[in-house]
Amino acid sequence: MAQYIASKLADITDAHATVAARVLQTEGEALLSLSRCLPADLSRTIDAILAIKGRVILSGIGKSGHVARKIAATLASTGTPAFFVHAAEASHGDLGMVTPSDICVLLSNSGETPELRDLVAHCTRFAIPLVGMSRNPDSALMRAADYRLTIPDLPEACTIGMAPTTSTTVMLGLGDALAVALMEARRFQAEEFRTFHPGGRLGAQLAPVRQVMHPAKSIPIVGETTPMAETILTMTAGGFGVAAVIDPAGDLIGVVSDGDLRRNLIDLMDRTAGQVCTRTPVTVTPDTLAAEALAVLNRNKIGVLIVCEGTQPVGILHLHDLLRIGVM
């Protein structure tokens, strides 16, 4: 009996996996179909968005509304000011959020969503550029639109062919394509992206080293001719397990680490910092991203980095500093 039940459960699990694979294949093929036949107005839409002085307003109802909200969030976080307006609320005062300086992007699979009519009328009345995204090029929405982003008319992934699955996936993919194309057209950089993502792990990874490092006064510094006995005392007092070796001009010429001490145990106390240090050590700049600094530490199997501007040390960064802010 137990074996029979186990067999039936396995059959059910296999059936679930088959359904999941079919859905993903259907939606994946739809995205590939879209990539091979992009909407004719795509480039014109991107140029129109780049030209406006206001913001991109997105709206839709139901599942299309959820997709519109996500596209608005993606645009806003990648350098294109945007926000979502609920179509039903627009008819009760929120139309005031949509101004002649904006461009309006309306999503509707059928293109006949009645809740969008007031938004369409508002855009027409005030000559606000209107972008329609729909599978039906002959719909009311697409006839009214200045820019038409027609998505492939393909079957939904569900067995009854009605639940928004393939259509919403394609809309979302097209929204991502718009956002990234605009991002690249604006030459949007990682530093700007960090500005919009200051919180959480992503914000930590995108933080520049200058925000995490200890200042120049914290660097344990010795000269090239400093005896090793004094160098070890400086390393111990500094608490980083290293000492930066500089020349009379203040340029970094090497670093003495715990590893250097172990490699030079013979006659260590008869030597100078310049004789023991690792020449041309690995360094980063203050503008290096925290995630990149962590990669440098891991790649070189070290725990501390001297931060330099040119050849001048301006800070020191410990692995624990990165872990403390959440870079992993």
C-alpha atoms as a PDB file:
ATOM      1  CA  MET A   1       0.000   0.000   0.000  1.00  0.00           C
ATOM      2  CA  ALA A   2       2.765   2.436   0.933  1.00  0.00           C
ATOM      3  CA  GLN A   3       4.550   1.677  -2.324  1.00  0.00           C
ATOM      4  CA  TYR A   4       1.335   2.299  -4.293  1.00  0.00           C
ATOM      5  CA  ILE A   5       0.796   5.661  -2.596  1.00  0.00           C
ATOM      6  CA  ALA A   6       4.408   6.651  -3.230  1.00  0.00           C
ATOM      7  CA  SER A   7       3.979   5.752  -6.901  1.00  0.00           C
ATOM      8  CA  LYS A   8       0.831   7.868  -7.195  1.00  0.00           C
ATOM      9  CA  LEU A   9       2.521  10.813  -5.499  1.00  0.00           C
ATOM     10  CA  ALA A  10       5.415  10.522  -7.925  1.00  0.00           C
ATOM     11  CA  ASP A  11       2.968  10.549 -10.843  1.00  0.00           C
ATOM     12  CA  ILE A  12       1.313  13.685  -9.478  1.00  0.00           C
ATOM     13  CA  THR A  13       4.689  15.396  -9.007  1.00  0.00           C
ATOM     14  CA  ASP A  14       5.699  14.495 -12.573  1.00  0.00           C
ATOM     15  CA  ALA A  15       2.389  15.883 -13.847  1.00  0.00           C
ATOM     16  CA  HIS A  16       2.949  19.169 -12.002  1.00  0.00           C
ATOM     17  CA  ALA A  17       6.449  19.433 -13.437  1.00  0.00           C
ATOM     18  CA  THR A  18       5.105  18.795 -16.931  1.00  0.00           C
ATOM     19  CA  VAL A  19       2.566  21.600 -16.572  1.00  0.00           C
ATOM     20  CA  ALA A  20       5.179  23.995 -15.199  1.00  0.00           C
ATOM     21  CA  ALA A  21       7.584  23.204 -18.034  1.00  0.00           C
ATOM     22  CA  ARG A  22       4.831  23.693 -20.632  1.00  0.00           C
ATOM     23  CA  VAL A  23       3.880  27.087 -19.218  1.00  0.00           C
ATOM     24  CA  LEU A  24       7.473  28.307 -19.146  1.00  0.00           C
ATOM     25  CA  GLN A  25       8.113  27.043 -22.665  1.00  0.00           C
ATOM     26  CA  THR A  26       4.973  28.760 -23.976  1.00  0.00           C
ATOM     27  CA  GLU A  27       5.872  32.063 -22.352  1.00  0.00           C
ATOM     28  CA  GLY A  28       9.531  31.779 -23.349  1.00  0.00           C
ATOM     29  CA  GLU A  29       8.603  31.190 -26.983  1.00  0.00           C
ATOM     30  CA  ALA A  30       6.315  34.228 -26.841  1.00  0.00           C
ATOM     31  CA  LEU A  31       9.183  36.413 -25.656  1.00  0.00           C
ATOM     32  CA  LEU A  32      11.410  35.064 -28.421  1.00  0.00           C
ATOM     33  CA  SER A  33       8.662  35.787 -30.934  1.00  0.00           C
ATOM     34  CA  LEU A  34       8.488  39.371 -29.676  1.00  0.00           C
ATOM     35  CA  SER A  35      12.281  39.760 -29.903  1.00  0.00           C
ATOM     36  CA  ARG A  36      12.185  38.653 -33.550  1.00  0.00           C
ATOM     37  CA  CYS A  37       9.344  41.023 -34.440  1.00  0.00           C
ATOM     38  CA  LEU A  38       9.488  44.146 -32.295  1.00  0.00           C
ATOM     39  CA  PRO A  39       6.646  46.681 -32.430  1.00  0.00           C
ATOM     40  CA  ALA A  40       7.091  49.086 -35.341  1.00  0.00           C
ATOM     41  CA  ASP A  41       6.697  52.125 -33.053  1.00  0.00           C
ATOM     42  CA  LEU A  42       9.239  50.975 -30.447  1.00  0.00           C
ATOM     43  CA  SER A  43      12.048  53.325 -31.493  1.00  0.00           C
ATOM     44  CA  ARG A  44       9.646  56.239 -31.929  1.00  0.00           C
ATOM     45  CA  THR A  45       8.254  55.562 -28.440  1.00  0.00           C
ATOM     46  CA  ILE A  46      11.736  55.623 -26.908  1.00  0.00           C
ATOM     47  CA  ASP A  47      12.560  58.904 -28.695  1.00  0.00           C
ATOM     48  CA  ALA A  48       9.267  60.393 -27.504  1.00  0.00           C
ATOM     49  CA  ILE A  49       9.968  59.454 -23.885  1.00  0.00           C
ATOM     50  CA  LEU A  50      13.480  60.905 -24.115  1.00  0.00           C
ATOM     51  CA  ALA A  51      12.042  64.160 -25.451  1.00  0.00           C
ATOM     52  CA  ILE A  52       9.444  64.854 -22.745  1.00  0.00           C
ATOM     53  CA  LYS A  53      10.109  67.237 -19.873  1.00  0.00           C
ATOM     54  CA  GLY A  54       7.743  65.511 -17.464  1.00  0.00           C
ATOM     55  CA  ARG A  55       7.274  61.917 -16.443  1.00  0.00           C
ATOM     56  CA  VAL A  56       6.044  58.651 -17.901  1.00  0.00           C
ATOM     57  CA  ILE A  57       2.551  57.840 -16.590  1.00  0.00           C
ATOM     58  CA  LEU A  58       1.553  54.170 -16.746  1.00  0.00           C
ATOM     59  CA  SER A  59      -1.883  52.717 -16.220  1.00  0.00           C
ATOM     60  CA  GLY A  60      -3.956  49.616 -16.713  1.00  0.00           C
ATOM     61  CA  ILE A  61      -6.605  47.517 -15.003  1.00  0.00           C
ATOM     62  CA  GLY A  62      -6.374  44.031 -13.533  1.00  0.00           C
ATOM     63  CA  LYS A  63      -3.265  42.040 -14.409  1.00  0.00           C
ATOM     64  CA  SER A  64      -2.263  44.675 -16.976  1.00  0.00           C
ATOM     65  CA  GLY A  65      -2.381  47.209 -14.149  1.00  0.00           C
ATOM     66  CA  HIS A  66      -0.013  45.123 -12.050  1.00  0.00           C
ATOM     67  CA  VAL A  67       2.390  44.931 -14.992  1.00  0.00           C
ATOM     68  CA  ALA A  68       2.089  48.692 -15.566  1.00  0.00           C
ATOM     69  CA  ARG A  69       2.944  49.331 -11.925  1.00  0.00           C
ATOM     70  CA  LYS A  70       6.069  47.161 -12.198  1.00  0.00           C
ATOM     71  CA  ILE A  71       7.186  48.868 -15.428  1.00  0.00           C
ATOM     72  CA  ALA A  72       6.770  52.259 -13.756  1.00  0.00           C
ATOM     73  CA  ALA A  73       8.969  51.123 -10.861  1.00  0.00           C
ATOM     74  CA  THR A  74      11.632  49.803 -13.235  1.00  0.00           C
ATOM     75  CA  LEU A  75      11.666  53.016 -15.262  1.00  0.00           C
ATOM     76  CA  ALA A  76      11.894  55.190 -12.152  1.00  0.00           C
ATOM     77  CA  SER A  77      14.827  53.215 -10.754  1.00  0.00           C
ATOM     78  CA  THR A  78      16.797  53.344 -14.008  1.00  0.00           C
ATOM     79  CA  GLY A  79      16.757  57.059 -14.751  1.00  0.00           C
ATOM     80  CA  THR A  80      13.341  57.655 -16.343  1.00  0.00           C
ATOM     81  CA  PRO A  81      10.959  59.403 -13.915  1.00  0.00           C
ATOM     82  CA  ALA A  82       7.699  57.462 -13.926  1.00  0.00           C
ATOM     83  CA  PHE A  83       4.726  56.560 -11.768  1.00  0.00           C
ATOM     84  CA  PHE A  84       1.568  54.456 -11.899  1.00  0.00           C
ATOM     85  CA  VAL A  85      -1.944  55.922 -11.938  1.00  0.00           C
ATOM     86  CA  HIS A  86      -4.847  53.585 -11.203  1.00  0.00           C
ATOM     87  CA  ALA A  87      -7.297  53.899 -14.089  1.00  0.00           C
ATOM     88  CA  ALA A  88     -10.378  53.840 -11.874  1.00  0.00           C
ATOM     89  CA  GLU A  89      -8.954  56.474  -9.520  1.00  0.00           C
ATOM     90  CA  ALA A  90      -7.994  58.610 -12.524  1.00  0.00           C
ATOM     91  CA  SER A  91     -11.698  59.092 -13.257  1.00  0.00           C
ATOM     92  CA  HIS A  92     -12.191  60.426  -9.731  1.00  0.00           C
ATOM     93  CA  GLY A  93      -9.553  63.147  -9.580  1.00  0.00           C
ATOM     94  CA  ASP A  94      -6.223  61.482 -10.283  1.00  0.00           C
ATOM     95  CA  LEU A  95      -6.282  62.756 -13.870  1.00  0.00           C
ATOM     96  CA  GLY A  96      -4.757  65.864 -12.303  1.00  0.00           C
ATOM     97  CA  MET A  97      -1.512  63.886 -12.020  1.00  0.00           C
ATOM     98  CA  VAL A  98      -1.234  63.677 -15.816  1.00  0.00           C
ATOM     99  CA  THR A  99       0.048  66.934 -17.348  1.00  0.00           C
ATOM    100  CA  PRO A 100       0.898  68.118 -20.893  1.00  0.00           C
ATOM    101  CA  SER A 101       4.584  67.703 -20.024  1.00  0.00           C
ATOM    102  CA  ASP A 102       4.105  63.949 -19.530  1.00  0.00           C
ATOM    103  CA  ILE A 103       3.646  60.936 -21.768  1.00  0.00           C
ATOM    104  CA  CYS A 104       1.005  58.311 -20.965  1.00  0.00           C
ATOM    105  CA  VAL A 105       1.498  54.558 -21.511  1.00  0.00           C
ATOM    106  CA  LEU A 106      -1.711  52.513 -21.268  1.00  0.00           C
ATOM    107  CA  LEU A 107      -1.700  48.712 -21.095  1.00  0.00           C
ATOM    108  CA  SER A 108      -4.666  46.590 -22.142  1.00  0.00           C
ATOM    109  CA  ASN A 109      -4.502  43.112 -23.638  1.00  0.00           C
ATOM    110  CA  SER A 110      -7.769  43.586 -25.528  1.00  0.00           C
ATOM    111  CA  GLY A 111      -7.381  47.315 -26.050  1.00  0.00           C
ATOM    112  CA  GLU A 112     -11.039  47.755 -25.164  1.00  0.00           C
ATOM    113  CA  THR A 113     -10.787  48.215 -21.382  1.00  0.00           C
ATOM    114  CA  PRO A 114     -13.582  50.670 -20.487  1.00  0.00           C
ATOM    115  CA  GLU A 115     -11.788  51.994 -17.382  1.00  0.00           C
ATOM    116  CA  LEU A 116      -9.090  53.505 -19.635  1.00  0.00           C
ATOM    117  CA  ARG A 117     -11.502  55.670 -21.625  1.00  0.00           C
ATOM    118  CA  ASP A 118     -11.218  58.725 -19.361  1.00  0.00           C
ATOM    119  CA  LEU A 119      -7.432  58.574 -19.502  1.00  0.00           C
ATOM    120  CA  VAL A 120      -7.537  58.315 -23.296  1.00  0.00           C
ATOM    121  CA  ALA A 121      -9.950  61.262 -23.481  1.00  0.00           C
ATOM    122  CA  HIS A 122      -7.781  63.324 -21.118  1.00  0.00           C
ATOM    123  CA  CYS A 123      -4.677  62.702 -23.244  1.00  0.00           C
ATOM    124  CA  THR A 124      -6.577  63.647 -26.397  1.00  0.00           C
ATOM    125  CA  ARG A 125      -8.008  66.811 -24.846  1.00  0.00           C
ATOM    126  CA  PHE A 126      -4.660  68.141 -23.607  1.00  0.00           C
ATOM    127  CA  ALA A 127      -2.479  66.797 -26.448  1.00  0.00           C
ATOM    128  CA  ILE A 128      -0.599  64.495 -24.086  1.00  0.00           C
ATOM    129  CA  PRO A 129       1.376  61.889 -26.060  1.00  0.00           C
ATOM    130  CA  LEU A 130      -0.323  58.511 -25.715  1.00  0.00           C
ATOM    131  CA  VAL A 131       1.347  55.105 -26.016  1.00  0.00           C
ATOM    132  CA  GLY A 132      -0.862  52.031 -26.298  1.00  0.00           C
ATOM    133  CA  MET A 133       0.328  48.509 -25.510  1.00  0.00           C
ATOM    134  CA  SER A 134      -2.095  45.821 -26.678  1.00  0.00           C
ATOM    135  CA  ARG A 135      -2.328  42.643 -28.779  1.00  0.00           C
ATOM    136  CA  ASN A 136      -5.212  44.161 -30.810  1.00  0.00           C
ATOM    137  CA  PRO A 137      -3.946  46.796 -33.274  1.00  0.00           C
ATOM    138  CA  ASP A 138      -7.523  47.676 -34.307  1.00  0.00           C
ATOM    139  CA  SER A 139      -8.801  48.275 -30.765  1.00  0.00           C
ATOM    140  CA  ALA A 140     -10.124  51.584 -29.453  1.00  0.00           C
ATOM    141  CA  LEU A 141      -6.958  52.129 -27.414  1.00  0.00           C
ATOM    142  CA  MET A 142      -4.602  51.532 -30.320  1.00  0.00           C
ATOM    143  CA  ARG A 143      -6.636  53.698 -32.701  1.00  0.00           C
ATOM    144  CA  ALA A 144      -6.401  56.577 -30.226  1.00  0.00           C
ATOM    145  CA  ALA A 145      -2.702  56.084 -29.448  1.00  0.00           C
ATOM    146  CA  ASP A 146       0.050  58.216 -30.967  1.00  0.00           C
ATOM    147  CA  TYR A 147       2.496  55.330 -30.530  1.00  0.00           C
ATOM    148  CA  ARG A 148       1.412  51.705 -30.826  1.00  0.00           C
ATOM    149  CA  LEU A 149       3.301  48.889 -29.122  1.00  0.00           C
ATOM    150  CA  THR A 150       1.517  45.853 -30.496  1.00  0.00           C
ATOM    151  CA  ILE A 151       2.392  42.603 -28.737  1.00  0.00           C
ATOM    152  CA  PRO A 152       2.067  39.163 -30.392  1.00  0.00           C
ATOM    153  CA  ASP A 153      -1.441  37.707 -30.366  1.00  0.00           C
ATOM    154  CA  LEU A 154      -0.455  34.313 -28.939  1.00  0.00           C
ATOM    155  CA  PRO A 155      -2.375  31.779 -26.817  1.00  0.00           C
ATOM    156  CA  GLU A 156      -2.297  32.185 -23.057  1.00  0.00           C
ATOM    157  CA  ALA A 157      -0.316  29.495 -21.232  1.00  0.00           C
ATOM    158  CA  CYS A 158      -3.273  28.245 -19.202  1.00  0.00           C
ATOM    159  CA  THR A 159      -5.377  25.295 -20.419  1.00  0.00           C
ATOM    160  CA  ILE A 160      -8.578  27.365 -20.712  1.00  0.00           C
ATOM    161  CA  GLY A 161      -6.762  30.066 -22.686  1.00  0.00           C
ATOM    162  CA  MET A 162      -8.182  32.917 -20.612  1.00  0.00           C
ATOM    163  CA  ALA A 163      -5.972  33.610 -17.567  1.00  0.00           C
ATOM    164  CA  PRO A 164      -3.498  36.416 -18.368  1.00  0.00           C
ATOM    165  CA  THR A 165      -0.183  34.556 -18.524  1.00  0.00           C
ATOM    166  CA  THR A 166       1.559  34.779 -21.885  1.00  0.00           C
ATOM    167  CA  SER A 167       0.138  38.256 -22.536  1.00  0.00           C
ATOM    168  CA  THR A 168       1.314  39.712 -19.221  1.00  0.00           C
ATOM    169  CA  THR A 169       4.729  38.072 -19.560  1.00  0.00           C
ATOM    170  CA  VAL A 170       5.174  39.665 -22.975  1.00  0.00           C
ATOM    171  CA  MET A 171       4.008  43.058 -21.692  1.00  0.00           C
ATOM    172  CA  LEU A 172       6.448  42.836 -18.813  1.00  0.00           C
ATOM    173  CA  GLY A 173       9.277  41.841 -21.140  1.00  0.00           C
ATOM    174  CA  LEU A 174       8.518  44.740 -23.479  1.00  0.00           C
ATOM    175  CA  GLY A 175       8.459  47.089 -20.490  1.00  0.00           C
ATOM    176  CA  ASP A 176      11.890  45.865 -19.410  1.00  0.00           C
ATOM    177  CA  ALA A 177      13.161  46.337 -22.963  1.00  0.00           C
ATOM    178  CA  LEU A 178      11.886  49.929 -22.934  1.00  0.00           C
ATOM    179  CA  ALA A 179      13.488  50.643 -19.557  1.00  0.00           C
ATOM    180  CA  VAL A 180      16.895  49.251 -20.508  1.00  0.00           C
ATOM    181  CA  ALA A 181      16.901  50.979 -23.905  1.00  0.00           C
ATOM    182  CA  LEU A 182      16.125  54.289 -22.175  1.00  0.00           C
ATOM    183  CA  MET A 183      18.728  53.550 -19.506  1.00  0.00           C
ATOM    184  CA  GLU A 184      21.434  53.046 -22.123  1.00  0.00           C
ATOM    185  CA  ALA A 185      20.298  56.046 -24.169  1.00  0.00           C
ATOM    186  CA  ARG A 186      20.675  58.215 -21.049  1.00  0.00           C
ATOM    187  CA  ARG A 187      24.081  56.615 -20.299  1.00  0.00           C
ATOM    188  CA  PHE A 188      22.745  55.783 -16.842  1.00  0.00           C
ATOM    189  CA  GLN A 189      25.657  54.717 -14.620  1.00  0.00           C
ATOM    190  CA  ALA A 190      26.003  52.443 -11.602  1.00  0.00           C
ATOM    191  CA  GLU A 191      26.561  55.447  -9.337  1.00  0.00           C
ATOM    192  CA  GLU A 192      23.196  56.898 -10.374  1.00  0.00           C
ATOM    193  CA  PHE A 193      21.554  53.510  -9.879  1.00  0.00           C
ATOM    194  CA  ARG A 194      22.967  53.419  -6.334  1.00  0.00           C
ATOM    195  CA  THR A 195      21.382  56.823  -5.662  1.00  0.00           C
ATOM    196  CA  PHE A 196      17.955  55.278  -6.191  1.00  0.00           C
ATOM    197  CA  HIS A 197      18.793  52.086  -4.248  1.00  0.00           C
ATOM    198  CA  PRO A 198      20.424  53.249  -0.976  1.00  0.00           C
ATOM    199  CA  GLY A 199      18.832  50.546   1.172  1.00  0.00           C
ATOM    200  CA  GLY A 200      19.481  46.856   1.715  1.00  0.00           C
ATOM    201  CA  ARG A 201      22.117  44.623   0.227  1.00  0.00           C
ATOM    202  CA  LEU A 202      21.968  46.239  -3.200  1.00  0.00           C
ATOM    203  CA  GLY A 203      22.640  49.659  -1.717  1.00  0.00           C
ATOM    204  CA  ALA A 204      25.601  48.252   0.220  1.00  0.00           C
ATOM    205  CA  GLN A 205      27.096  46.639  -2.884  1.00  0.00           C
ATOM    206  CA  LEU A 206      26.806  49.865  -4.848  1.00  0.00           C
ATOM    207  CA  ALA A 207      28.266  52.072  -2.120  1.00  0.00           C
ATOM    208  CA  PRO A 208      31.670  53.545  -3.065  1.00  0.00           C
ATOM    209  CA  VAL A 209      34.662  52.605  -0.962  1.00  0.00           C
ATOM    210  CA  ARG A 210      35.009  56.208   0.219  1.00  0.00           C
ATOM    211  CA  GLN A 211      31.817  55.746   2.263  1.00  0.00           C
ATOM    212  CA  VAL A 212      33.139  52.634   3.998  1.00  0.00           C
ATOM    213  CA  MET A 213      36.910  53.088   4.373  1.00  0.00           C
ATOM    214  CA  HIS A 214      38.786  54.363   7.394  1.00  0.00           C
ATOM    215  CA  PRO A 215      40.407  57.786   6.784  1.00  0.00           C
ATOM    216  CA  ALA A 216      44.072  58.392   6.003  1.00  0.00           C
ATOM    217  CA  LYS A 217      44.916  59.109   9.644  1.00  0.00           C
ATOM    218  CA  SER A 218      43.954  55.526  10.501  1.00  0.00           C
ATOM    219  CA  ILE A 219      46.514  53.969   8.148  1.00  0.00           C
ATOM    220  CA  PRO A 220      49.499  52.396   9.971  1.00  0.00           C
ATOM    221  CA  ILE A 221      52.385  54.026   8.075  1.00  0.00           C
ATOM    222  CA  VAL A 222      56.133  53.362   8.150  1.00  0.00           C
ATOM    223  CA  GLY A 223      59.079  54.429   6.007  1.00  0.00           C
ATOM    224  CA  GLU A 224      61.172  52.206   3.815  1.00  0.00           C
ATOM    225  CA  THR A 225      64.052  52.273   6.288  1.00  0.00           C
ATOM    226  CA  THR A 226      61.931  51.731   9.401  1.00  0.00           C
ATOM    227  CA  PRO A 227      63.352  48.782  11.423  1.00  0.00           C
ATOM    228  CA  MET A 228      61.069  45.771  11.604  1.00  0.00           C
ATOM    229  CA  ALA A 229      60.803  45.967  15.384  1.00  0.00           C
ATOM    230  CA  GLU A 230      59.213  49.411  15.043  1.00  0.00           C
ATOM    231  CA  THR A 231      57.158  48.266  12.033  1.00  0.00           C
ATOM    232  CA  ILE A 232      55.616  45.414  14.037  1.00  0.00           C
ATOM    233  CA  LEU A 233      54.679  47.813  16.823  1.00  0.00           C
ATOM    234  CA  THR A 234      53.005  50.100  14.267  1.00  0.00           C
ATOM    235  CA  MET A 235      51.111  47.154  12.766  1.00  0.00           C
ATOM    236  CA  THR A 236      49.928  46.054  16.207  1.00  0.00           C
ATOM    237  CA  ALA A 237      48.811  49.547  17.212  1.00  0.00           C
ATOM    238  CA  GLY A 238      46.957  50.035  13.928  1.00  0.00           C
ATOM    239  CA  GLY A 239      44.778  46.973  14.417  1.00  0.00           C
ATOM    240  CA  PHE A 240      44.588  46.080  10.716  1.00  0.00           C
ATOM    241  CA  GLY A 241      47.420  43.543  10.595  1.00  0.00           C
ATOM    242  CA  VAL A 242      49.300  45.588   7.989  1.00  0.00           C
ATOM    243  CA  ALA A 243      51.549  48.610   7.650  1.00  0.00           C
ATOM    244  CA  ALA A 244      51.752  50.814   4.582  1.00  0.00           C
ATOM    245  CA  VAL A 245      55.298  51.588   3.458  1.00  0.00           C
ATOM    246  CA  ILE A 246      55.686  55.025   1.882  1.00  0.00           C
ATOM    247  CA  ASP A 247      58.562  57.003   0.396  1.00  0.00           C
ATOM    248  CA  PRO A 248      59.525  60.554   1.449  1.00  0.00           C
ATOM    249  CA  ALA A 249      57.011  61.973  -1.071  1.00  0.00           C
ATOM    250  CA  GLY A 250      54.191  60.072   0.589  1.00  0.00           C
ATOM    251  CA  ASP A 251      53.730  57.612  -2.282  1.00  0.00           C
ATOM    252  CA  LEU A 252      52.835  54.020  -1.451  1.00  0.00           C
ATOM    253  CA  ILE A 253      55.652  51.644  -2.338  1.00  0.00           C
ATOM    254  CA  GLY A 254      54.597  48.523  -0.459  1.00  0.00           C
ATOM    255  CA  VAL A 255      52.630  46.876   2.331  1.00  0.00           C
ATOM    256  CA  VAL A 256      53.891  44.740   5.209  1.00  0.00           C
ATOM    257  CA  SER A 257      51.335  42.094   6.173  1.00  0.00           C
ATOM    258  CA  ASP A 258      51.222  39.208   8.626  1.00  0.00           C
ATOM    259  CA  GLY A 259      52.038  36.962   5.695  1.00  0.00           C
ATOM    260  CA  ASP A 260      55.200  38.974   4.955  1.00  0.00           C
ATOM    261  CA  LEU A 261      56.285  38.509   8.563  1.00  0.00           C
ATOM    262  CA  ARG A 262      55.902  34.735   8.331  1.00  0.00           C
ATOM    263  CA  ARG A 263      57.723  34.586   5.012  1.00  0.00           C
ATOM    264  CA  ASN A 264      60.686  36.513   6.433  1.00  0.00           C
ATOM    265  CA  LEU A 265      61.098  34.966   9.892  1.00  0.00           C
ATOM    266  CA  ILE A 266      64.819  34.361   9.377  1.00  0.00           C
ATOM    267  CA  ASP A 267      66.674  37.519  10.472  1.00  0.00           C
ATOM    268  CA  LEU A 268      63.355  39.410  10.522  1.00  0.00           C
ATOM    269  CA  MET A 269      64.490  41.818  13.225  1.00  0.00           C
ATOM    270  CA  ASP A 270      67.655  42.655  11.287  1.00  0.00           C
ATOM    271  CA  ARG A 271      65.678  43.931   8.332  1.00  0.00           C
ATOM    272  CA  THR A 272      63.745  47.069   7.408  1.00  0.00           C
ATOM    273  CA  ALA A 273      60.180  47.544   6.254  1.00  0.00           C
ATOM    274  CA  GLY A 274      61.373  48.145   2.697  1.00  0.00           C
ATOM    275  CA  GLN A 275      63.171  44.798   2.649  1.00  0.00           C
ATOM    276  CA  VAL A 276      60.196  42.793   3.929  1.00  0.00           C
ATOM    277  CA  CYS A 277      57.194  44.483   2.314  1.00  0.00           C
ATOM    278  CA  THR A 278      55.286  43.331  -0.728  1.00  0.00           C
ATOM    279  CA  ARG A 279      56.078  45.815  -3.483  1.00  0.00           C
ATOM    280  CA  THR A 280      53.331  47.207  -5.752  1.00  0.00           C
ATOM    281  CA  PRO A 281      50.540  45.948  -3.484  1.00  0.00           C
ATOM    282  CA  VAL A 282      46.925  45.520  -4.546  1.00  0.00           C
ATOM    283  CA  THR A 283      44.971  48.746  -3.982  1.00  0.00           C
ATOM    284  CA  VAL A 284      41.597  50.279  -4.828  1.00  0.00           C
ATOM    285  CA  THR A 285      40.428  53.846  -5.353  1.00  0.00           C
ATOM    286  CA  PRO A 286      37.837  55.708  -3.255  1.00  0.00           C
ATOM    287  CA  ASP A 287      35.360  55.416  -6.151  1.00  0.00           C
ATOM    288  CA  THR A 288      35.600  51.624  -6.366  1.00  0.00           C
ATOM    289  CA  LEU A 289      32.246  50.043  -5.544  1.00  0.00           C
ATOM    290  CA  ALA A 290      32.075  48.038  -2.324  1.00  0.00           C
ATOM    291  CA  ALA A 291      31.124  44.872  -4.218  1.00  0.00           C
ATOM    292  CA  GLU A 292      34.170  45.294  -6.476  1.00  0.00           C
ATOM    293  CA  ALA A 293      36.432  45.802  -3.451  1.00  0.00           C
ATOM    294  CA  LEU A 294      35.134  42.573  -1.928  1.00  0.00           C
ATOM    295  CA  ALA A 295      35.899  40.766  -5.180  1.00  0.00           C
ATOM    296  CA  VAL A 296      39.464  42.131  -5.104  1.00  0.00           C
ATOM    297  CA  LEU A 297      39.930  40.907  -1.531  1.00  0.00           C
ATOM    298  CA  ASN A 298      38.594  37.452  -2.345  1.00  0.00           C
ATOM    299  CA  ARG A 299      40.544  37.139  -5.580  1.00  0.00           C
ATOM    300  CA  ASN A 300      43.837  38.001  -3.880  1.00  0.00           C
ATOM    301  CA  LYS A 301      43.031  36.111  -0.648  1.00  0.00           C
ATOM    302  CA  ILE A 302      43.739  39.131   1.534  1.00  0.00           C
ATOM    303  CA  GLY A 303      41.788  40.896   4.262  1.00  0.00           C
ATOM    304  CA  VAL A 304      42.896  44.523   3.954  1.00  0.00           C
ATOM    305  CA  LEU A 305      43.234  47.039   1.121  1.00  0.00           C
ATOM    306  CA  ILE A 306      45.012  50.360   1.039  1.00  0.00           C
ATOM    307  CA  VAL A 307      42.831  52.931  -0.718  1.00  0.00           C
ATOM    308  CA  CYS A 308      44.815  55.239  -2.999  1.00  0.00           C
ATOM    309  CA  GLU A 309      44.268  58.270  -5.148  1.00  0.00           C
ATOM    310  CA  GLY A 310      47.018  57.870  -7.684  1.00  0.00           C
ATOM    311  CA  THR A 311      49.958  56.666  -5.595  1.00  0.00           C
ATOM    312  CA  GLN A 312      48.925  58.475  -2.410  1.00  0.00           C
ATOM    313  CA  PRO A 313      47.216  56.400   0.322  1.00  0.00           C
ATOM    314  CA  VAL A 314      43.998  58.102   1.451  1.00  0.00           C
ATOM    315  CA  GLY A 315      42.277  55.341   3.415  1.00  0.00           C
ATOM    316  CA  ILE A 316      42.278  51.731   4.510  1.00  0.00           C
ATOM    317  CA  LEU A 317      39.560  49.111   4.068  1.00  0.00           C
ATOM    318  CA  HIS A 318      39.136  45.880   6.033  1.00  0.00           C
ATOM    319  CA  LEU A 319      37.036  42.910   4.972  1.00  0.00           C
ATOM    320  CA  HIS A 320      34.993  43.333   8.157  1.00  0.00           C
ATOM    321  CA  ASP A 321      34.018  46.860   7.051  1.00  0.00           C
ATOM    322  CA  LEU A 322      32.309  45.398   3.979  1.00  0.00           C
ATOM    323  CA  LEU A 323      30.630  42.603   5.939  1.00  0.00           C
ATOM    324  CA  ARG A 324      29.375  45.126   8.481  1.00  0.00           C
ATOM    325  CA  ILE A 325      27.387  47.063   5.858  1.00  0.00           C
ATOM    326  CA  GLY A 326      26.006  43.889   4.311  1.00  0.00           C
ATOM    327  CA  VAL A 327      28.225  43.289   1.290  1.00  0.00           C
ATOM    328  CA  MET A 328      28.478  39.515   0.791  1.00  0.00           C
END
